Amino acid sequence: MASFQSLDYIRSIGVDIIWICPMYDSPQIDMGYDISDYKSVYPPYGTVEDMERLIHEAHVRDLRVILDLVVNHTSDQHAWFQESRSSKDNAKRDWYIWKPARYDEYGNRRPPNNWRSNFGGSVWNGMSIRKNTTSICSAKSNQTSIGTISRLERQSTTMP
């Protein structure tokens, strides 16, 4: 049985909101921001039932809970990404940014543009199963935190 004595202490020092960083299932390449399943909790953190109990116990103590919900990133292991990369005709295809690679004068494959990652290097990687296709990626591993983006957001994105 989990102990919630820490919640009593947190409340006693005047805190009224708890912010919980990403706790969803994840390969943890990007500190939990590379979510592989929004319906599961990362096993070392417990279970969905544990989270529900934590939230309940916080509310009993008049503590509000904010979950850091990362809706614009998933892991490459997420089902949405797997579906998106499976076919150009897939319904989730436009949930991620896919652009054809460029080729230099020697026929070497190059990123589609010069977008840079905060993690260093290009935001692009060549992980597609289809030739000449790349996807946007923000983690240095080139395997995770694949950015999802809505049509509206994509329309407002400018390419340098």
C-alpha atoms as a PDB file:
ATOM      1  CA  MET A   1       0.000   0.000   0.000  1.00  0.00           C
ATOM      2  CA  ALA A   2       1.413   3.352  -0.996  1.00  0.00           C
ATOM      3  CA  SER A   3       1.987   6.020   1.624  1.00  0.00           C
ATOM      4  CA  PHE A   4       0.626   9.483   0.983  1.00  0.00           C
ATOM      5  CA  GLN A   5       2.295  11.201   3.953  1.00  0.00           C
ATOM      6  CA  SER A   6       4.292  13.345   1.518  1.00  0.00           C
ATOM      7  CA  LEU A   7       1.019  14.842   0.331  1.00  0.00           C
ATOM      8  CA  ASP A   8       0.244  15.880   3.908  1.00  0.00           C
ATOM      9  CA  TYR A   9       3.628  17.612   4.161  1.00  0.00           C
ATOM     10  CA  ILE A  10       3.251  19.272   0.745  1.00  0.00           C
ATOM     11  CA  ARG A  11      -0.145  20.640   1.772  1.00  0.00           C
ATOM     12  CA  SER A  12       1.166  21.757   5.182  1.00  0.00           C
ATOM     13  CA  ILE A  13       3.721  24.088   3.590  1.00  0.00           C
ATOM     14  CA  GLY A  14       1.029  25.898   1.617  1.00  0.00           C
ATOM     15  CA  VAL A  15       1.250  24.135  -1.740  1.00  0.00           C
ATOM     16  CA  ASP A  16      -2.114  23.764  -3.439  1.00  0.00           C
ATOM     17  CA  ILE A  17      -1.136  22.382  -6.859  1.00  0.00           C
ATOM     18  CA  ILE A  18       1.094  19.445  -7.790  1.00  0.00           C
ATOM     19  CA  TRP A  19       2.533  19.322 -11.312  1.00  0.00           C
ATOM     20  CA  ILE A  20       3.395  15.795 -12.396  1.00  0.00           C
ATOM     21  CA  CYS A  21       5.882  15.492 -15.247  1.00  0.00           C
ATOM     22  CA  PRO A  22       5.101  12.993 -18.019  1.00  0.00           C
ATOM     23  CA  MET A  23       4.204   9.691 -16.402  1.00  0.00           C
ATOM     24  CA  TYR A  24       2.856   7.904 -19.468  1.00  0.00           C
ATOM     25  CA  ASP A  25       4.506   4.778 -20.819  1.00  0.00           C
ATOM     26  CA  SER A  26       7.672   5.727 -22.649  1.00  0.00           C
ATOM     27  CA  PRO A  27      11.053   4.327 -23.723  1.00  0.00           C
ATOM     28  CA  GLN A  28      12.477   7.278 -21.709  1.00  0.00           C
ATOM     29  CA  ILE A  29      14.870   8.512 -24.383  1.00  0.00           C
ATOM     30  CA  ASP A  30      13.564  12.054 -23.851  1.00  0.00           C
ATOM     31  CA  MET A  31      12.759  12.037 -20.097  1.00  0.00           C
ATOM     32  CA  GLY A  32       9.223  10.753 -20.662  1.00  0.00           C
ATOM     33  CA  TYR A  33       8.314  13.250 -23.351  1.00  0.00           C
ATOM     34  CA  ASP A  34       8.614  10.450 -25.933  1.00  0.00           C
ATOM     35  CA  ILE A  35       5.290   8.830 -25.109  1.00  0.00           C
ATOM     36  CA  SER A  36       4.629   5.371 -26.492  1.00  0.00           C
ATOM     37  CA  ASP A  37       1.177   4.843 -24.913  1.00  0.00           C
ATOM     38  CA  TYR A  38      -1.098   7.575 -23.551  1.00  0.00           C
ATOM     39  CA  LYS A  39      -3.291   4.945 -21.857  1.00  0.00           C
ATOM     40  CA  SER A  40      -0.543   3.416 -19.699  1.00  0.00           C
ATOM     41  CA  VAL A  41       1.752   4.609 -16.935  1.00  0.00           C
ATOM     42  CA  TYR A  42       5.511   4.064 -17.217  1.00  0.00           C
ATOM     43  CA  PRO A  43       5.844   0.844 -15.130  1.00  0.00           C
ATOM     44  CA  PRO A  44       8.505   2.089 -12.662  1.00  0.00           C
ATOM     45  CA  TYR A  45       6.040   4.881 -11.741  1.00  0.00           C
ATOM     46  CA  GLY A  46       3.206   2.465 -11.009  1.00  0.00           C
ATOM     47  CA  THR A  47      -0.082   1.754 -12.711  1.00  0.00           C
ATOM     48  CA  VAL A  48      -3.082   3.711 -13.915  1.00  0.00           C
ATOM     49  CA  GLU A  49      -4.798   2.672 -10.683  1.00  0.00           C
ATOM     50  CA  ASP A  50      -1.854   4.096  -8.686  1.00  0.00           C
ATOM     51  CA  MET A  51      -2.196   7.419 -10.528  1.00  0.00           C
ATOM     52  CA  GLU A  52      -5.941   7.459  -9.924  1.00  0.00           C
ATOM     53  CA  ARG A  53      -5.321   6.849  -6.215  1.00  0.00           C
ATOM     54  CA  LEU A  54      -2.670   9.588  -6.085  1.00  0.00           C
ATOM     55  CA  ILE A  55      -5.069  12.050  -7.704  1.00  0.00           C
ATOM     56  CA  HIS A  56      -7.850  11.014  -5.317  1.00  0.00           C
ATOM     57  CA  GLU A  57      -5.593  11.374  -2.258  1.00  0.00           C
ATOM     58  CA  ALA A  58      -4.402  14.768  -3.480  1.00  0.00           C
ATOM     59  CA  HIS A  59      -7.987  15.947  -3.916  1.00  0.00           C
ATOM     60  CA  VAL A  60      -8.879  14.726  -0.399  1.00  0.00           C
ATOM     61  CA  ARG A  61      -6.167  17.130   0.799  1.00  0.00           C
ATOM     62  CA  ASP A  62      -7.451  19.987  -1.395  1.00  0.00           C
ATOM     63  CA  LEU A  63      -4.449  19.656  -3.701  1.00  0.00           C
ATOM     64  CA  ARG A  64      -5.049  20.111  -7.395  1.00  0.00           C
ATOM     65  CA  VAL A  65      -3.086  17.933  -9.810  1.00  0.00           C
ATOM     66  CA  ILE A  66      -1.737  18.972 -13.191  1.00  0.00           C
ATOM     67  CA  LEU A  67      -0.510  16.202 -15.476  1.00  0.00           C
ATOM     68  CA  ASP A  68       2.087  17.287 -18.017  1.00  0.00           C
ATOM     69  CA  LEU A  69       0.215  16.029 -21.086  1.00  0.00           C
ATOM     70  CA  VAL A  70       2.493  16.057 -24.092  1.00  0.00           C
ATOM     71  CA  VAL A  71       0.197  15.949 -27.096  1.00  0.00           C
ATOM     72  CA  ASN A  72       2.667  17.205 -29.686  1.00  0.00           C
ATOM     73  CA  HIS A  73       5.248  14.434 -29.218  1.00  0.00           C
ATOM     74  CA  THR A  74       5.242  10.676 -29.342  1.00  0.00           C
ATOM     75  CA  SER A  75       7.859   7.991 -29.426  1.00  0.00           C
ATOM     76  CA  ASP A  76       8.578   6.233 -32.686  1.00  0.00           C
ATOM     77  CA  GLN A  77       7.209   3.226 -30.788  1.00  0.00           C
ATOM     78  CA  HIS A  78       3.728   4.774 -30.507  1.00  0.00           C
ATOM     79  CA  ALA A  79       0.996   3.105 -32.574  1.00  0.00           C
ATOM     80  CA  TRP A  80       0.119   6.439 -34.213  1.00  0.00           C
ATOM     81  CA  PHE A  81       3.640   6.847 -35.543  1.00  0.00           C
ATOM     82  CA  GLN A  82       3.784   3.258 -36.712  1.00  0.00           C
ATOM     83  CA  GLU A  83       0.505   3.766 -38.599  1.00  0.00           C
ATOM     84  CA  SER A  84       1.651   7.102 -40.020  1.00  0.00           C
ATOM     85  CA  ARG A  85       4.838   5.634 -41.443  1.00  0.00           C
ATOM     86  CA  SER A  86       3.113   2.546 -42.835  1.00  0.00           C
ATOM     87  CA  SER A  87       1.655   4.198 -45.911  1.00  0.00           C
ATOM     88  CA  LYS A  88       1.297   7.546 -47.660  1.00  0.00           C
ATOM     89  CA  ASP A  89      -2.448   6.860 -47.676  1.00  0.00           C
ATOM     90  CA  ASN A  90      -2.790   6.141 -43.950  1.00  0.00           C
ATOM     91  CA  ALA A  91      -5.363   8.289 -42.111  1.00  0.00           C
ATOM     92  CA  LYS A  92      -2.697   9.289 -39.565  1.00  0.00           C
ATOM     93  CA  ARG A  93      -0.158  10.203 -42.236  1.00  0.00           C
ATOM     94  CA  ASP A  94      -0.560  13.933 -41.643  1.00  0.00           C
ATOM     95  CA  TRP A  95      -0.191  13.586 -37.870  1.00  0.00           C
ATOM     96  CA  TYR A  96       3.580  13.765 -38.428  1.00  0.00           C
ATOM     97  CA  ILE A  97       5.775  15.777 -40.743  1.00  0.00           C
ATOM     98  CA  TRP A  98       7.090  13.725 -43.660  1.00  0.00           C
ATOM     99  CA  LYS A  99       9.163  15.326 -46.407  1.00  0.00           C
ATOM    100  CA  PRO A 100      11.173  13.815 -49.258  1.00  0.00           C
ATOM    101  CA  ALA A 101      14.915  13.858 -48.872  1.00  0.00           C
ATOM    102  CA  ARG A 102      17.058  16.100 -51.065  1.00  0.00           C
ATOM    103  CA  TYR A 103      20.046  14.780 -52.979  1.00  0.00           C
ATOM    104  CA  ASP A 104      23.265  16.623 -53.643  1.00  0.00           C
ATOM    105  CA  GLU A 105      25.120  16.672 -56.973  1.00  0.00           C
ATOM    106  CA  TYR A 106      26.827  13.375 -56.037  1.00  0.00           C
ATOM    107  CA  GLY A 107      23.569  11.577 -55.271  1.00  0.00           C
ATOM    108  CA  ASN A 108      24.066  11.685 -51.501  1.00  0.00           C
ATOM    109  CA  ARG A 109      20.882  11.792 -49.464  1.00  0.00           C
ATOM    110  CA  ARG A 110      20.413  15.096 -47.538  1.00  0.00           C
ATOM    111  CA  PRO A 111      17.747  16.474 -45.169  1.00  0.00           C
ATOM    112  CA  PRO A 112      14.824  18.280 -46.840  1.00  0.00           C
ATOM    113  CA  ASN A 113      15.774  21.626 -45.250  1.00  0.00           C
ATOM    114  CA  ASN A 114      18.085  23.194 -42.676  1.00  0.00           C
ATOM    115  CA  TRP A 115      15.865  22.912 -39.576  1.00  0.00           C
ATOM    116  CA  ARG A 116      18.064  22.363 -36.508  1.00  0.00           C
ATOM    117  CA  SER A 117      17.216  20.463 -33.344  1.00  0.00           C
ATOM    118  CA  ASN A 118      17.661  21.857 -29.836  1.00  0.00           C
ATOM    119  CA  PHE A 119      19.433  18.553 -29.169  1.00  0.00           C
ATOM    120  CA  GLY A 120      22.009  19.314 -31.865  1.00  0.00           C
ATOM    121  CA  GLY A 121      22.121  18.481 -35.554  1.00  0.00           C
ATOM    122  CA  SER A 122      19.217  18.216 -37.945  1.00  0.00           C
ATOM    123  CA  VAL A 123      15.640  17.585 -36.844  1.00  0.00           C
ATOM    124  CA  TRP A 124      15.332  15.089 -39.687  1.00  0.00           C
ATOM    125  CA  ASN A 125      16.164  11.403 -39.786  1.00  0.00           C
ATOM    126  CA  GLY A 126      15.780   8.698 -42.392  1.00  0.00           C
ATOM    127  CA  MET A 127      13.845   6.152 -40.381  1.00  0.00           C
ATOM    128  CA  SER A 128      11.113   5.602 -42.946  1.00  0.00           C
ATOM    129  CA  ILE A 129      10.607   2.239 -44.582  1.00  0.00           C
ATOM    130  CA  ARG A 130       9.927   4.093 -47.820  1.00  0.00           C
ATOM    131  CA  LYS A 131      12.823   5.385 -49.908  1.00  0.00           C
ATOM    132  CA  ASN A 132      13.308   9.160 -50.077  1.00  0.00           C
ATOM    133  CA  THR A 133      11.193   9.941 -47.018  1.00  0.00           C
ATOM    134  CA  THR A 134      12.179  11.449 -43.719  1.00  0.00           C
ATOM    135  CA  SER A 135      10.295  12.525 -40.624  1.00  0.00           C
ATOM    136  CA  ILE A 136      10.858  15.327 -38.165  1.00  0.00           C
ATOM    137  CA  CYS A 137      12.480  14.260 -34.946  1.00  0.00           C
ATOM    138  CA  SER A 138      13.596  16.230 -31.890  1.00  0.00           C
ATOM    139  CA  ALA A 139      15.565  13.814 -29.710  1.00  0.00           C
ATOM    140  CA  LYS A 140      19.256  13.311 -30.389  1.00  0.00           C
ATOM    141  CA  SER A 141      18.663   9.564 -30.576  1.00  0.00           C
ATOM    142  CA  ASN A 142      16.896  10.084 -33.920  1.00  0.00           C
ATOM    143  CA  GLN A 143      14.434   7.523 -32.666  1.00  0.00           C
ATOM    144  CA  THR A 144      12.077   9.358 -30.320  1.00  0.00           C
ATOM    145  CA  SER A 145       9.988  12.430 -29.652  1.00  0.00           C
ATOM    146  CA  ILE A 146       8.625  12.450 -33.134  1.00  0.00           C
ATOM    147  CA  GLY A 147       6.605  15.658 -33.334  1.00  0.00           C
ATOM    148  CA  THR A 148       2.956  15.369 -34.203  1.00  0.00           C
ATOM    149  CA  ILE A 149       1.422  18.426 -35.718  1.00  0.00           C
ATOM    150  CA  SER A 150      -2.099  19.365 -36.743  1.00  0.00           C
ATOM    151  CA  ARG A 151      -3.033  20.639 -40.175  1.00  0.00           C
ATOM    152  CA  LEU A 152      -3.676  24.112 -38.751  1.00  0.00           C
ATOM    153  CA  GLU A 153      -0.288  24.234 -37.027  1.00  0.00           C
ATOM    154  CA  ARG A 154       1.467  22.937 -40.136  1.00  0.00           C
ATOM    155  CA  GLN A 155      -0.147  25.628 -42.276  1.00  0.00           C
ATOM    156  CA  SER A 156       1.330  28.274 -39.979  1.00  0.00           C
ATOM    157  CA  THR A 157       4.806  26.694 -39.937  1.00  0.00           C
ATOM    158  CA  THR A 158       7.352  28.452 -42.097  1.00  0.00           C
ATOM    159  CA  MET A 159      10.395  26.798 -43.519  1.00  0.00           C
ATOM    160  CA  PRO A 160      13.658  28.753 -43.302  1.00  0.00           C
END
